[in-house]
C-alpha atoms as a PDB file:
ATOM      1  CA  MET A   1      35.320  -9.673 -10.731  1.00  0.00           C
ATOM      2  CA  ARG A   2      34.248  -7.037  -8.207  1.00  0.00           C
ATOM      3  CA  ASP A   3      30.882  -8.687  -7.614  1.00  0.00           C
ATOM      4  CA  GLU A   4      32.611 -11.968  -6.799  1.00  0.00           C
ATOM      5  CA  ASN A   5      34.772 -10.198  -4.193  1.00  0.00           C
ATOM      6  CA  LYS A   6      31.700  -8.651  -2.584  1.00  0.00           C
ATOM      7  CA  VAL A   7      29.915 -11.993  -2.435  1.00  0.00           C
ATOM      8  CA  THR A   8      33.001 -13.660  -0.942  1.00  0.00           C
ATOM      9  CA  PHE A   9      33.312 -10.911   1.691  1.00  0.00           C
ATOM     10  CA  VAL A  10      29.645 -11.173   2.639  1.00  0.00           C
ATOM     11  CA  ASN A  11      29.817 -14.973   2.878  1.00  0.00           C
ATOM     12  CA  LYS A  12      32.887 -14.831   5.129  1.00  0.00           C
ATOM     13  CA  THR A  13      31.281 -12.174   7.322  1.00  0.00           C
ATOM     14  CA  ILE A  14      28.106 -14.210   7.730  1.00  0.00           C
ATOM     15  CA  LYS A  15      30.037 -17.378   8.596  1.00  0.00           C
ATOM     16  CA  THR A  16      32.136 -15.483  11.147  1.00  0.00           C
ATOM     17  CA  GLY A  17      29.033 -13.928  12.706  1.00  0.00           C
ATOM     18  CA  ILE A  18      27.302 -17.274  12.996  1.00  0.00           C
ATOM     19  CA  THR A  19      30.382 -18.895  14.515  1.00  0.00           C
ATOM     20  CA  PHE A  20      30.853 -16.062  17.002  1.00  0.00           C
ATOM     21  CA  GLY A  21      27.152 -16.115  17.896  1.00  0.00           C
ATOM     22  CA  SER A  22      27.259 -19.845  18.564  1.00  0.00           C
ATOM     23  CA  ALA A  23      30.379 -19.575  20.714  1.00  0.00           C
ATOM     24  CA  LEU A  24      28.916 -16.661  22.658  1.00  0.00           C
ATOM     25  CA  ALA A  25      25.602 -18.458  23.202  1.00  0.00           C
ATOM     26  CA  MET A  26      27.356 -21.614  24.392  1.00  0.00           C
ATOM     27  CA  THR A  27      29.571 -19.672  26.800  1.00  0.00           C
ATOM     28  CA  ILE A  28      26.676 -17.709  28.287  1.00  0.00           C
ATOM     29  CA  SER A  29      24.610 -20.876  28.591  1.00  0.00           C
ATOM     30  CA  TYR A  30      27.327 -22.922  30.275  1.00  0.00           C
ATOM     31  CA  VAL A  31      28.183 -20.160  32.751  1.00  0.00           C
ATOM     32  CA  THR A  32      24.511 -19.657  33.581  1.00  0.00           C
ATOM     33  CA  TRP A  33      23.241 -23.249  33.679  1.00  0.00           C
ATOM     34  CA  LYS A  34      26.446 -25.327  34.222  1.00  0.00           C
ATOM     35  CA  SER A  35      25.204 -27.885  31.674  1.00  0.00           C
ATOM     36  CA  VAL A  36      26.937 -29.056  28.509  1.00  0.00           C
ATOM     37  CA  GLY A  37      23.610 -30.233  27.074  1.00  0.00           C
ATOM     38  CA  TRP A  38      22.011 -26.817  27.415  1.00  0.00           C
ATOM     39  CA  ALA A  39      25.179 -25.191  26.063  1.00  0.00           C
ATOM     40  CA  ILE A  40      24.997 -27.316  22.904  1.00  0.00           C
ATOM     41  CA  PHE A  41      21.289 -26.620  22.480  1.00  0.00           C
ATOM     42  CA  HIS A  42      21.765 -22.876  22.954  1.00  0.00           C
ATOM     43  CA  GLY A  43      24.767 -22.963  20.606  1.00  0.00           C
ATOM     44  CA  LEU A  44      22.461 -24.320  17.916  1.00  0.00           C
ATOM     45  CA  LEU A  45      20.081 -21.422  18.548  1.00  0.00           C
ATOM     46  CA  SER A  46      23.060 -19.043  18.300  1.00  0.00           C
ATOM     47  CA  TRP A  47      22.086 -15.361  18.177  1.00  0.00           C
ATOM     48  CA  VAL A  48      18.475 -16.113  19.142  1.00  0.00           C
ATOM     49  CA  TYR A  49      19.626 -17.235  22.601  1.00  0.00           C
ATOM     50  CA  VAL A  50      22.087 -14.330  22.939  1.00  0.00           C
ATOM     51  CA  ILE A  51      19.343 -11.784  22.229  1.00  0.00           C
ATOM     52  CA  TYR A  52      16.930 -13.621  24.557  1.00  0.00           C
ATOM     53  CA  PHE A  53      19.556 -13.587  27.326  1.00  0.00           C
ATOM     54  CA  LEU A  54      20.174  -9.844  26.870  1.00  0.00           C
ATOM     55  CA  ILE A  55      16.463  -9.066  27.050  1.00  0.00           C
ATOM     56  CA  LYS A  56      15.738 -11.378  29.991  1.00  0.00           C
ATOM     57  CA  TYR A  57      18.757 -10.515  32.155  1.00  0.00           C
END
């Protein structure tokens, strides 16, 4: 039973992190480039774009 709770917690944490990363990437992209297309593309890249943006700027 305890192992199932740990797995459930980890799965929820990962899903939340991915969702937050996508939203953050899309927001940064739209504010920077003023393009919905780029925002969607960068949202798909998620944390990769966020880390790139932090390093570049």
